[in-house]
PDB file of N, CA and C in Angstrom:
ATOM      1  N   MET A   1      64.713 138.335 126.494  1.00  0.00           N
ATOM      2  CA  MET A   1      64.526 138.605 127.912  1.00  0.00           C
ATOM      3  C   MET A   1      63.041 138.447 128.246  1.00  0.00           C
ATOM      4  N   LEU A   2      62.741 137.859 129.381  1.00  0.00           N
ATOM      5  CA  LEU A   2      61.362 137.675 129.795  1.00  0.00           C
ATOM      6  C   LEU A   2      60.695 139.026 130.049  1.00  0.00           C
ATOM      7  N   PRO A   3      59.408 139.153 129.704  1.00  0.00           N
ATOM      8  CA  PRO A   3      58.707 140.436 129.884  1.00  0.00           C
ATOM      9  C   PRO A   3      58.759 140.969 131.309  1.00  0.00           C
ATOM     10  N   ILE A   4      58.721 140.092 132.295  1.00  0.00           N
ATOM     11  CA  ILE A   4      58.741 140.552 133.683  1.00  0.00           C
ATOM     12  C   ILE A   4      60.023 141.321 133.999  1.00  0.00           C
ATOM     13  N   PHE A   5      61.143 140.896 133.406  1.00  0.00           N
ATOM     14  CA  PHE A   5      62.396 141.599 133.653  1.00  0.00           C
ATOM     15  C   PHE A   5      62.407 142.969 132.987  1.00  0.00           C
ATOM     16  N   ASN A   6      61.748 143.101 131.840  1.00  0.00           N
ATOM     17  CA  ASN A   6      61.620 144.411 131.211  1.00  0.00           C
ATOM     18  C   ASN A   6      60.895 145.378 132.136  1.00  0.00           C
ATOM     19  N   ASP A   7      59.856 144.880 132.811  1.00  0.00           N
ATOM     20  CA  ASP A   7      59.122 145.724 133.757  1.00  0.00           C
ATOM     21  C   ASP A   7      60.020 146.175 134.904  1.00  0.00           C
ATOM     22  N   TYR A   8      60.823 145.255 135.432  1.00  0.00           N
ATOM     23  CA  TYR A   8      61.709 145.624 136.531  1.00  0.00           C
ATOM     24  C   TYR A   8      62.790 146.599 136.071  1.00  0.00           C
ATOM     25  N   HIS A   9      63.314 146.399 134.890  1.00  0.00           N
ATOM     26  CA  HIS A   9      64.307 147.341 134.369  1.00  0.00           C
ATOM     27  C   HIS A   9      63.692 148.723 134.205  1.00  0.00           C
ATOM     28  N   LYS A  10      62.480 148.763 133.682  1.00  0.00           N
ATOM     29  CA  LYS A  10      61.791 150.047 133.510  1.00  0.00           C
ATOM     30  C   LYS A  10      61.560 150.709 134.870  1.00  0.00           C
ATOM     31  N   LYS A  11      61.066 149.939 135.827  1.00  0.00           N
ATOM     32  CA  LYS A  11      60.831 150.493 137.163  1.00  0.00           C
ATOM     33  C   LYS A  11      62.134 150.955 137.804  1.00  0.00           C
ATOM     34  N   PHE A  12      63.204 150.189 137.594  1.00  0.00           N
ATOM     35  CA  PHE A  12      64.500 150.566 138.136  1.00  0.00           C
ATOM     36  C   PHE A  12      64.923 151.917 137.570  1.00  0.00           C
ATOM     37  N   ARG A  13      64.841 152.058 136.252  1.00  0.00           N
ATOM     38  CA  ARG A  13      65.243 153.320 135.605  1.00  0.00           C
ATOM     39  C   ARG A  13      64.390 154.489 136.092  1.00  0.00           C
ATOM     40  N   GLU A  14      63.083 154.259 136.170  1.00  0.00           N
ATOM     41  CA  GLU A  14      62.179 155.322 136.618  1.00  0.00           C
ATOM     42  C   GLU A  14      62.468 155.714 138.063  1.00  0.00           C
ATOM     43  N   ARG A  15      62.735 154.715 138.902  1.00  0.00           N
ATOM     44  CA  ARG A  15      63.011 154.987 140.307  1.00  0.00           C
ATOM     45  C   ARG A  15      64.323 155.759 140.458  1.00  0.00           C
ATOM     46  N   LEU A  16      65.327 155.359 139.710  1.00  0.00           N
ATOM     47  CA  LEU A  16      66.609 156.059 139.748  1.00  0.00           C
ATOM     48  C   LEU A  16      66.418 157.523 139.350  1.00  0.00           C
ATOM     49  N   ARG A  17      65.709 157.749 138.270  1.00  0.00           N
ATOM     50  CA  ARG A  17      65.467 159.115 137.801  1.00  0.00           C
ATOM     51  C   ARG A  17      64.685 159.920 138.851  1.00  0.00           C
ATOM     52  N   PHE A  18      63.648 159.313 139.420  1.00  0.00           N
ATOM     53  CA  PHE A  18      62.829 159.991 140.431  1.00  0.00           C
ATOM     54  C   PHE A  18      63.665 160.390 141.640  1.00  0.00           C
ATOM     55  N   LEU A  19      64.431 159.446 142.185  1.00  0.00           N
ATOM     56  CA  LEU A  19      65.223 159.738 143.382  1.00  0.00           C
ATOM     57  C   LEU A  19      66.344 160.727 143.095  1.00  0.00           C
ATOM     58  N   ARG A  20      66.920 160.638 141.906  1.00  0.00           N
ATOM     59  CA  ARG A  20      67.974 161.580 141.537  1.00  0.00           C
ATOM     60  C   ARG A  20      67.409 162.993 141.456  1.00  0.00           C
ATOM     61  N   LYS A  21      66.262 163.133 140.799  1.00  0.00           N
ATOM     62  CA  LYS A  21      65.647 164.460 140.678  1.00  0.00           C
ATOM     63  C   LYS A  21      65.198 164.980 142.041  1.00  0.00           C
ATOM     64  N   GLN A  22      64.722 164.075 142.885  1.00  0.00           N
ATOM     65  CA  GLN A  22      64.323 164.472 144.230  1.00  0.00           C
ATOM     66  C   GLN A  22      65.515 165.039 145.002  1.00  0.00           C
ATOM     67  N   LYS A  23      66.684 164.490 144.737  1.00  0.00           N
ATOM     68  CA  LYS A  23      67.909 164.987 145.378  1.00  0.00           C
ATOM     69  C   LYS A  23      68.367 166.305 144.750  1.00  0.00           C
ATOM     70  N   GLY A  24      67.852 166.601 143.560  1.00  0.00           N
ATOM     71  CA  GLY A  24      68.170 167.876 142.924  1.00  0.00           C
ATOM     72  C   GLY A  24      69.469 167.888 142.143  1.00  0.00           C
ATOM     73  N   VAL A  25      69.859 166.740 141.591  1.00  0.00           N
ATOM     74  CA  VAL A  25      71.086 166.678 140.803  1.00  0.00           C
ATOM     75  C   VAL A  25      70.776 166.146 139.410  1.00  0.00           C
ATOM     76  N   ASP A  26      71.593 166.547 138.448  1.00  0.00           N
ATOM     77  CA  ASP A  26      71.404 165.992 137.105  1.00  0.00           C
ATOM     78  C   ASP A  26      72.238 164.723 136.981  1.00  0.00           C
ATOM     79  N   ALA A  27      71.986 163.985 135.926  1.00  0.00           N
ATOM     80  CA  ALA A  27      72.626 162.677 135.739  1.00  0.00           C
ATOM     81  C   ALA A  27      74.142 162.787 135.657  1.00  0.00           C
ATOM     82  N   ASN A  28      74.642 163.779 134.950  1.00  0.00           N
ATOM     83  CA  ASN A  28      76.098 163.935 134.818  1.00  0.00           C
ATOM     84  C   ASN A  28      76.745 164.253 136.159  1.00  0.00           C
ATOM     85  N   GLU A  29      76.118 165.139 136.914  1.00  0.00           N
ATOM     86  CA  GLU A  29      76.650 165.512 138.225  1.00  0.00           C
ATOM     87  C   GLU A  29      76.692 164.290 139.152  1.00  0.00           C
ATOM     88  N   MET A  30      75.639 163.493 139.107  1.00  0.00           N
ATOM     89  CA  MET A  30      75.601 162.302 139.945  1.00  0.00           C
ATOM     90  C   MET A  30      76.696 161.321 139.537  1.00  0.00           C
ATOM     91  N   SER A  31      76.833 161.112 138.231  1.00  0.00           N
ATOM     92  CA  SER A  31      77.870 160.195 137.732  1.00  0.00           C
ATOM     93  C   SER A  31      79.251 160.626 138.206  1.00  0.00           C
ATOM     94  N   GLU A  32      79.542 161.902 138.048  1.00  0.00           N
ATOM     95  CA  GLU A  32      80.854 162.414 138.438  1.00  0.00           C
ATOM     96  C   GLU A  32      81.072 162.320 139.947  1.00  0.00           C
ATOM     97  N   SER A  33      80.012 162.560 140.727  1.00  0.00           N
ATOM     98  CA  SER A  33      80.123 162.446 142.183  1.00  0.00           C
ATOM     99  C   SER A  33      80.422 161.018 142.614  1.00  0.00           C
ATOM    100  N   LEU A  34      79.962 160.064 141.829  1.00  0.00           N
ATOM    101  CA  LEU A  34      80.224 158.657 142.119  1.00  0.00           C
ATOM    102  C   LEU A  34      81.589 158.206 141.597  1.00  0.00           C
ATOM    103  N   GLY A  35      82.289 159.109 140.908  1.00  0.00           N
ATOM    104  CA  GLY A  35      83.598 158.773 140.350  1.00  0.00           C
ATOM    105  C   GLY A  35      83.499 157.939 139.091  1.00  0.00           C
ATOM    106  N   LEU A  36      82.381 158.083 138.387  1.00  0.00           N
ATOM    107  CA  LEU A  36      82.138 157.316 137.165  1.00  0.00           C
ATOM    108  C   LEU A  36      82.153 158.234 135.959  1.00  0.00           C
ATOM    109  N   HIS A  37      82.138 157.643 134.773  1.00  0.00           N
ATOM    110  CA  HIS A  37      82.076 158.441 133.551  1.00  0.00           C
ATOM    111  C   HIS A  37      80.828 159.311 133.606  1.00  0.00           C
ATOM    112  N   GLU A  38      80.932 160.528 133.100  1.00  0.00           N
ATOM    113  CA  GLU A  38      79.837 161.495 133.236  1.00  0.00           C
ATOM    114  C   GLU A  38      78.506 161.034 132.643  1.00  0.00           C
ATOM    115  N   THR A  39      78.518 160.078 131.724  1.00  0.00           N
ATOM    116  CA  THR A  39      77.262 159.614 131.123  1.00  0.00           C
ATOM    117  C   THR A  39      76.732 158.324 131.748  1.00  0.00           C
ATOM    118  N   TYR A  40      77.373 157.842 132.806  1.00  0.00           N
ATOM    119  CA  TYR A  40      77.015 156.549 133.385  1.00  0.00           C
ATOM    120  C   TYR A  40      75.540 156.486 133.808  1.00  0.00           C
ATOM    121  N   ILE A  41      75.103 157.432 134.613  1.00  0.00           N
ATOM    122  CA  ILE A  41      73.716 157.430 135.104  1.00  0.00           C
ATOM    123  C   ILE A  41      72.744 157.664 133.955  1.00  0.00           C
ATOM    124  N   SER A  42      73.096 158.559 133.063  1.00  0.00           N
ATOM    125  CA  SER A  42      72.254 158.817 131.894  1.00  0.00           C
ATOM    126  C   SER A  42      72.039 157.549 131.069  1.00  0.00           C
ATOM    127  N   LYS A  43      73.081 156.760 130.916  1.00  0.00           N
ATOM    128  CA  LYS A  43      72.965 155.516 130.152  1.00  0.00           C
ATOM    129  C   LYS A  43      72.009 154.542 130.826  1.00  0.00           C
ATOM    130  N   ILE A  44      72.047 154.488 132.140  1.00  0.00           N
ATOM    131  CA  ILE A  44      71.118 153.609 132.858  1.00  0.00           C
ATOM    132  C   ILE A  44      69.690 154.097 132.650  1.00  0.00           C
ATOM    133  N   GLU A  45      69.488 155.398 132.796  1.00  0.00           N
ATOM    134  CA  GLU A  45      68.139 155.957 132.700  1.00  0.00           C
ATOM    135  C   GLU A  45      67.565 155.893 131.283  1.00  0.00           C
ATOM    136  N   THR A  46      68.419 155.748 130.291  1.00  0.00           N
ATOM    137  CA  THR A  46      67.943 155.713 128.900  1.00  0.00           C
ATOM    138  C   THR A  46      68.103 154.338 128.256  1.00  0.00           C
ATOM    139  N   LYS A  47      68.044 153.297 129.067  1.00  0.00           N
ATOM    140  CA  LYS A  47      68.020 151.909 128.601  1.00  0.00           C
ATOM    141  C   LYS A  47      69.312 151.434 127.943  1.00  0.00           C
ATOM    142  N   ARG A  48      70.419 152.104 128.171  1.00  0.00           N
ATOM    143  CA  ARG A  48      71.668 151.685 127.526  1.00  0.00           C
ATOM    144  C   ARG A  48      72.614 150.991 128.486  1.00  0.00           C
ATOM    145  N   GLY A  49      72.126 150.635 129.661  1.00  0.00           N
ATOM    146  CA  GLY A  49      72.971 149.936 130.611  1.00  0.00           C
ATOM    147  C   GLY A  49      72.269 149.736 131.937  1.00  0.00           C
ATOM    148  N   MET A  50      72.860 148.892 132.749  1.00  0.00           N
ATOM    149  CA  MET A  50      72.402 148.673 134.126  1.00  0.00           C
ATOM    150  C   MET A  50      73.652 148.665 134.998  1.00  0.00           C
ATOM    151  N   PRO A  51      73.511 149.104 136.241  1.00  0.00           N
ATOM    152  CA  PRO A  51      74.696 149.152 137.100  1.00  0.00           C
ATOM    153  C   PRO A  51      75.120 147.766 137.560  1.00  0.00           C
ATOM    154  N   SER A  52      76.385 147.652 137.878  1.00  0.00           N
ATOM    155  CA  SER A  52      76.857 146.427 138.521  1.00  0.00           C
ATOM    156  C   SER A  52      76.283 146.398 139.931  1.00  0.00           C
ATOM    157  N   PHE A  53      76.429 145.267 140.565  1.00  0.00           N
ATOM    158  CA  PHE A  53      75.956 145.117 141.933  1.00  0.00           C
ATOM    159  C   PHE A  53      76.624 146.147 142.843  1.00  0.00           C
ATOM    160  N   ASP A  54      77.941 146.274 142.737  1.00  0.00           N
ATOM    161  CA  ASP A  54      78.673 147.239 143.554  1.00  0.00           C
ATOM    162  C   ASP A  54      78.237 148.671 143.249  1.00  0.00           C
ATOM    163  N   ALA A  55      78.088 148.993 141.967  1.00  0.00           N
ATOM    164  CA  ALA A  55      77.673 150.345 141.590  1.00  0.00           C
ATOM    165  C   ALA A  55      76.290 150.663 142.140  1.00  0.00           C
ATOM    166  N   PHE A  56      75.408 149.662 142.165  1.00  0.00           N
ATOM    167  CA  PHE A  56      74.073 149.880 142.716  1.00  0.00           C
ATOM    168  C   PHE A  56      74.157 150.319 144.177  1.00  0.00           C
ATOM    169  N   PHE A  57      75.032 149.684 144.955  1.00  0.00           N
ATOM    170  CA  PHE A  57      75.175 150.067 146.358  1.00  0.00           C
ATOM    171  C   PHE A  57      75.730 151.480 146.498  1.00  0.00           C
ATOM    172  N   TYR A  58      76.654 151.871 145.628  1.00  0.00           N
ATOM    173  CA  TYR A  58      77.161 153.244 145.645  1.00  0.00           C
ATOM    174  C   TYR A  58      76.056 154.232 145.273  1.00  0.00           C
ATOM    175  N   ILE A  59      75.222 153.853 144.318  1.00  0.00           N
ATOM    176  CA  ILE A  59      74.089 154.699 143.925  1.00  0.00           C
ATOM    177  C   ILE A  59      73.151 154.904 145.113  1.00  0.00           C
ATOM    178  N   CYS A  60      72.835 153.819 145.807  1.00  0.00           N
ATOM    179  CA  CYS A  60      71.958 153.925 146.980  1.00  0.00           C
ATOM    180  C   CYS A  60      72.562 154.821 148.051  1.00  0.00           C
ATOM    181  N   GLN A  61      73.862 154.632 148.276  1.00  0.00           N
ATOM    182  CA  GLN A  61      74.533 155.462 149.275  1.00  0.00           C
ATOM    183  C   GLN A  61      74.474 156.934 148.872  1.00  0.00           C
ATOM    184  N   TYR A  62      74.728 157.209 147.617  1.00  0.00           N
ATOM    185  CA  TYR A  62      74.688 158.589 147.128  1.00  0.00           C
ATOM    186  C   TYR A  62      73.289 159.188 147.289  1.00  0.00           C
ATOM    187  N   LEU A  63      72.265 158.389 146.988  1.00  0.00           N
ATOM    188  CA  LEU A  63      70.879 158.860 147.080  1.00  0.00           C
ATOM    189  C   LEU A  63      70.348 158.840 148.507  1.00  0.00           C
ATOM    190  N   GLU A  64      71.156 158.298 149.427  1.00  0.00           N
ATOM    191  CA  GLU A  64      70.789 158.212 150.843  1.00  0.00           C
ATOM    192  C   GLU A  64      69.534 157.371 151.047  1.00  0.00           C
ATOM    193  N   VAL A  65      69.508 156.216 150.380  1.00  0.00           N
ATOM    194  CA  VAL A  65      68.418 155.258 150.546  1.00  0.00           C
ATOM    195  C   VAL A  65      69.019 153.873 150.736  1.00  0.00           C
ATOM    196  N   THR A  66      68.284 153.020 151.398  1.00  0.00           N
ATOM    197  CA  THR A  66      68.724 151.634 151.503  1.00  0.00           C
ATOM    198  C   THR A  66      68.363 150.931 150.196  1.00  0.00           C
ATOM    199  N   PRO A  67      69.042 149.849 149.864  1.00  0.00           N
ATOM    200  CA  PRO A  67      68.642 149.088 148.671  1.00  0.00           C
ATOM    201  C   PRO A  67      67.176 148.652 148.744  1.00  0.00           C
ATOM    202  N   LYS A  68      66.733 148.289 149.937  1.00  0.00           N
ATOM    203  CA  LYS A  68      65.330 147.894 150.114  1.00  0.00           C
ATOM    204  C   LYS A  68      64.398 149.049 149.751  1.00  0.00           C
ATOM    205  N   ASP A  69      64.704 150.236 150.257  1.00  0.00           N
ATOM    206  CA  ASP A  69      63.850 151.392 149.979  1.00  0.00           C
ATOM    207  C   ASP A  69      63.937 151.820 148.517  1.00  0.00           C
ATOM    208  N   PHE A  70      65.066 151.585 147.881  1.00  0.00           N
ATOM    209  CA  PHE A  70      65.170 151.897 146.455  1.00  0.00           C
ATOM    210  C   PHE A  70      64.094 151.143 145.683  1.00  0.00           C
ATOM    211  N   PHE A  71      63.880 149.882 146.047  1.00  0.00           N
ATOM    212  CA  PHE A  71      62.911 149.051 145.336  1.00  0.00           C
ATOM    213  C   PHE A  71      61.490 149.151 145.881  1.00  0.00           C
ATOM    214  N   ASP A  72      61.279 149.971 146.904  1.00  0.00           N
ATOM    215  CA  ASP A  72      59.918 150.199 147.391  1.00  0.00           C
ATOM    216  C   ASP A  72      59.323 151.319 146.546  1.00  0.00           C
ATOM    217  N   PHE A  73      58.767 150.938 145.418  1.00  0.00           N
ATOM    218  CA  PHE A  73      58.313 151.907 144.422  1.00  0.00           C
ATOM    219  C   PHE A  73      57.157 152.777 144.911  1.00  0.00           C
ATOM    220  N   ASP A  74      56.504 152.380 145.995  1.00  0.00           N
ATOM    221  CA  ASP A  74      55.406 153.172 146.548  1.00  0.00           C
ATOM    222  C   ASP A  74      55.876 154.228 147.537  1.00  0.00           C
ATOM    223  N   LEU A  75      57.142 154.181 147.901  1.00  0.00           N
ATOM    224  CA  LEU A  75      57.696 155.097 148.883  1.00  0.00           C
ATOM    225  C   LEU A  75      58.326 156.281 148.158  1.00  0.00           C
ATOM    226  N   ASP A  76      57.663 157.450 148.258  1.00  0.00           N
ATOM    227  CA  ASP A  76      58.137 158.621 147.520  1.00  0.00           C
ATOM    228  C   ASP A  76      59.385 159.267 148.115  1.00  0.00           C
ATOM    229  N   SER A  77      59.507 159.246 149.415  1.00  0.00           N
ATOM    230  CA  SER A  77      60.644 159.909 150.065  1.00  0.00           C
ATOM    231  C   SER A  77      61.350 158.940 151.008  1.00  0.00           C
ATOM    232  N   PRO A  78      62.095 157.992 150.449  1.00  0.00           N
ATOM    233  CA  PRO A  78      62.731 157.002 151.327  1.00  0.00           C
ATOM    234  C   PRO A  78      63.686 157.593 152.342  1.00  0.00           C
ATOM    235  N   SER A  79      64.383 158.672 151.993  1.00  0.00           N
ATOM    236  CA  SER A  79      65.313 159.241 152.970  1.00  0.00           C
ATOM    237  C   SER A  79      64.547 159.863 154.135  1.00  0.00           C
ATOM    238  N   ASP A  80      63.374 160.475 153.863  1.00  0.00           N
ATOM    239  CA  ASP A  80      62.541 161.004 154.948  1.00  0.00           C
ATOM    240  C   ASP A  80      62.013 159.870 155.822  1.00  0.00           C
ATOM    241  N   PHE A  81      61.591 158.782 155.178  1.00  0.00           N
ATOM    242  CA  PHE A  81      61.087 157.631 155.916  1.00  0.00           C
ATOM    243  C   PHE A  81      62.180 157.042 156.800  1.00  0.00           C
ATOM    244  N   LEU A  82      63.375 156.906 156.260  1.00  0.00           N
ATOM    245  CA  LEU A  82      64.487 156.352 157.025  1.00  0.00           C
ATOM    246  C   LEU A  82      64.811 157.248 158.218  1.00  0.00           C
ATOM    247  N   GLU A  83      64.816 158.546 158.011  1.00  0.00           N
ATOM    248  CA  GLU A  83      65.082 159.480 159.104  1.00  0.00           C
ATOM    249  C   GLU A  83      64.006 159.362 160.181  1.00  0.00           C
ATOM    250  N   LEU A  84      62.753 159.289 159.763  1.00  0.00           N
ATOM    251  CA  LEU A  84      61.646 159.153 160.704  1.00  0.00           C
ATOM    252  C   LEU A  84      61.763 157.844 161.493  1.00  0.00           C
ATOM    253  N   PHE A  85      62.107 156.770 160.800  1.00  0.00           N
ATOM    254  CA  PHE A  85      62.260 155.474 161.449  1.00  0.00           C
ATOM    255  C   PHE A  85      63.396 155.501 162.468  1.00  0.00           C
ATOM    256  N   GLU A  86      64.509 156.127 162.109  1.00  0.00           N
ATOM    257  CA  GLU A  86      65.638 156.227 163.042  1.00  0.00           C
ATOM    258  C   GLU A  86      65.239 157.031 164.279  1.00  0.00           C
ATOM    259  N   ASP A  87      64.475 158.100 164.075  1.00  0.00           N
ATOM    260  CA  ASP A  87      63.988 158.884 165.219  1.00  0.00           C
ATOM    261  C   ASP A  87      63.045 158.046 166.082  1.00  0.00           C
ATOM    262  N   TYR A  88      62.166 157.307 165.427  1.00  0.00           N
ATOM    263  CA  TYR A  88      61.195 156.472 166.137  1.00  0.00           C
ATOM    264  C   TYR A  88      61.897 155.445 167.034  1.00  0.00           C
ATOM    265  N   LYS A  89      62.993 154.881 166.548  1.00  0.00           N
ATOM    266  CA  LYS A  89      63.715 153.862 167.324  1.00  0.00           C
ATOM    267  C   LYS A  89      64.286 154.427 168.626  1.00  0.00           C
ATOM    268  N   GLN A  90      64.416 155.743 168.713  1.00  0.00           N
ATOM    269  CA  GLN A  90      64.972 156.361 169.915  1.00  0.00           C
ATOM    270  C   GLN A  90      63.917 156.644 170.980  1.00  0.00           C
ATOM    271  N   LEU A  91      62.641 156.465 170.626  1.00  0.00           N
ATOM    272  CA  LEU A  91      61.571 156.736 171.574  1.00  0.00           C
ATOM    273  C   LEU A  91      61.445 155.612 172.591  1.00  0.00           C
ATOM    274  N   ASP A  92      61.011 155.986 173.795  1.00  0.00           N
ATOM    275  CA  ASP A  92      60.719 154.931 174.767  1.00  0.00           C
ATOM    276  C   ASP A  92      59.333 154.357 174.445  1.00  0.00           C
ATOM    277  N   GLU A  93      58.935 153.347 175.181  1.00  0.00           N
ATOM    278  CA  GLU A  93      57.691 152.626 174.878  1.00  0.00           C
ATOM    279  C   GLU A  93      56.457 153.540 174.903  1.00  0.00           C
ATOM    280  N   LYS A  94      56.385 154.415 175.883  1.00  0.00           N
ATOM    281  CA  LYS A  94      55.239 155.321 176.020  1.00  0.00           C
ATOM    282  C   LYS A  94      55.214 156.325 174.859  1.00  0.00           C
ATOM    283  N   GLN A  95      56.365 156.875 174.529  1.00  0.00           N
ATOM    284  CA  GLN A  95      56.444 157.829 173.421  1.00  0.00           C
ATOM    285  C   GLN A  95      56.089 157.150 172.096  1.00  0.00           C
ATOM    286  N   ALA A  96      56.548 155.924 171.914  1.00  0.00           N
ATOM    287  CA  ALA A  96      56.243 155.183 170.685  1.00  0.00           C
ATOM    288  C   ALA A  96      54.744 154.954 170.553  1.00  0.00           C
ATOM    289  N   ALA A  97      54.092 154.641 171.667  1.00  0.00           N
ATOM    290  CA  ALA A  97      52.636 154.445 171.645  1.00  0.00           C
ATOM    291  C   ALA A  97      51.927 155.741 171.249  1.00  0.00           C
ATOM    292  N   HIS A  98      52.392 156.868 171.766  1.00  0.00           N
ATOM    293  CA  HIS A  98      51.811 158.167 171.394  1.00  0.00           C
ATOM    294  C   HIS A  98      52.030 158.460 169.912  1.00  0.00           C
ATOM    295  N   ALA A  99      53.222 158.151 169.405  1.00  0.00           N
ATOM    296  CA  ALA A  99      53.520 158.387 167.988  1.00  0.00           C
ATOM    297  C   ALA A  99      52.607 157.531 167.109  1.00  0.00           C
ATOM    298  N   LYS A 100      52.429 156.281 167.468  1.00  0.00           N
ATOM    299  CA  LYS A 100      51.527 155.400 166.709  1.00  0.00           C
ATOM    300  C   LYS A 100      50.099 155.943 166.712  1.00  0.00           C
ATOM    301  N   ALA A 101      49.636 156.373 167.884  1.00  0.00           N
ATOM    302  CA  ALA A 101      48.270 156.908 167.997  1.00  0.00           C
ATOM    303  C   ALA A 101      48.112 158.162 167.140  1.00  0.00           C
ATOM    304  N   LEU A 102      49.109 159.011 167.139  1.00  0.00           N
ATOM    305  CA  LEU A 102      49.062 160.226 166.327  1.00  0.00           C
ATOM    306  C   LEU A 102      48.982 159.891 164.843  1.00  0.00           C
ATOM    307  N   ILE A 103      49.799 158.949 164.392  1.00  0.00           N
ATOM    308  CA  ILE A 103      49.791 158.553 162.982  1.00  0.00           C
ATOM    309  C   ILE A 103      48.440 157.970 162.604  1.00  0.00           C
ATOM    310  N   LYS A 104      47.887 157.109 163.463  1.00  0.00           N
ATOM    311  CA  LYS A 104      46.577 156.519 163.173  1.00  0.00           C
ATOM    312  C   LYS A 104      45.493 157.593 163.104  1.00  0.00           C
ATOM    313  N   ALA A 105      45.555 158.580 164.010  1.00  0.00           N
ATOM    314  CA  ALA A 105      44.573 159.675 163.996  1.00  0.00           C
ATOM    315  C   ALA A 105      44.699 160.501 162.713  1.00  0.00           C
ATOM    316  N   LEU A 106      45.926 160.757 162.288  1.00  0.00           N
ATOM    317  CA  LEU A 106      46.139 161.498 161.046  1.00  0.00           C
ATOM    318  C   LEU A 106      45.572 160.738 159.851  1.00  0.00           C
ATOM    319  N   LEU A 107      45.765 159.419 159.834  1.00  0.00           N
ATOM    320  CA  LEU A 107      45.246 158.607 158.729  1.00  0.00           C
ATOM    321  C   LEU A 107      43.724 158.570 158.724  1.00  0.00           C
ATOM    322  N   ILE A 108      43.118 158.489 159.899  1.00  0.00           N
ATOM    323  CA  ILE A 108      41.654 158.518 159.991  1.00  0.00           C
ATOM    324  C   ILE A 108      41.139 159.851 159.485  1.00  0.00           C
ATOM    325  N   ASN A 109      41.800 160.933 159.881  1.00  0.00           N
ATOM    326  CA  ASN A 109      41.412 162.273 159.428  1.00  0.00           C
ATOM    327  C   ASN A 109      41.552 162.390 157.914  1.00  0.00           C
ATOM    328  N   GLN A 110      42.644 161.864 157.367  1.00  0.00           N
ATOM    329  CA  GLN A 110      42.872 161.929 155.928  1.00  0.00           C
ATOM    330  C   GLN A 110      41.787 161.151 155.178  1.00  0.00           C
ATOM    331  N   THR A 111      41.450 159.974 155.666  1.00  0.00           N
ATOM    332  CA  THR A 111      40.413 159.158 155.035  1.00  0.00           C
ATOM    333  C   THR A 111      39.081 159.873 155.073  1.00  0.00           C
ATOM    334  N   SER A 112      38.784 160.503 156.197  1.00  0.00           N
ATOM    335  CA  SER A 112      37.545 161.256 156.345  1.00  0.00           C
ATOM    336  C   SER A 112      37.470 162.426 155.365  1.00  0.00           C
ATOM    337  N   GLU A 113      38.580 163.152 155.238  1.00  0.00           N
ATOM    338  CA  GLU A 113      38.628 164.289 154.312  1.00  0.00           C
ATOM    339  C   GLU A 113      38.456 163.828 152.871  1.00  0.00           C
ATOM    340  N   GLN A 114      39.073 162.700 152.518  1.00  0.00           N
ATOM    341  CA  GLN A 114      38.937 162.171 151.165  1.00  0.00           C
ATOM    342  C   GLN A 114      37.503 161.742 150.879  1.00  0.00           C
ATOM    343  N   SER A 115      36.834 161.186 151.872  1.00  0.00           N
ATOM    344  CA  SER A 115      35.445 160.772 151.691  1.00  0.00           C
ATOM    345  C   SER A 115      34.545 161.982 151.496  1.00  0.00           C
ATOM    346  N   ASN A 116      34.823 163.046 152.246  1.00  0.00           N
ATOM    347  CA  ASN A 116      34.024 164.267 152.111  1.00  0.00           C
ATOM    348  C   ASN A 116      34.196 164.916 150.758  1.00  0.00           C
ATOM    349  N   LYS A 117      35.406 164.843 150.195  1.00  0.00           N
ATOM    350  CA  LYS A 117      35.659 165.430 148.875  1.00  0.00           C
ATOM    351  C   LYS A 117      34.922 164.688 147.775  1.00  0.00           C
ATOM    352  N   LYS A 118      34.738 163.380 147.952  1.00  0.00           N
ATOM    353  CA  LYS A 118      34.056 162.565 146.936  1.00  0.00           C
ATOM    354  C   LYS A 118      32.563 162.845 146.909  1.00  0.00           C
ATOM    355  N   GLU A 119      32.017 163.282 148.030  1.00  0.00           N
ATOM    356  CA  GLU A 119      30.556 163.508 148.115  1.00  0.00           C
ATOM    357  C   GLU A 119      30.127 164.791 147.481  1.00  0.00           C
TER     358      GLU A 119
END
């Protein structure tokens, strides 16, 4: 197997474990909730298997993430992000502009605080 695929398999396993723990369930409980053998998720997380395409979609549904967000390894709380995005889509143009301005102000403040801590 090409080394690049090993990296993706590792990231996949780590992401699955992270999102599962974030949901607060153990591997056996998740497997059983999906209607699979109790060791199914554990086998994926311990390099003994990978899910089928269909199983991957069921996993995403169970974890309440989109397949896209599952692979966004920089996104720690995809379900929170998805909820925020759905709320944002309901805003009118003026409200959306205010939300954007607030987020930008928060980011500027965060950057400023980080710079002060370094000094």
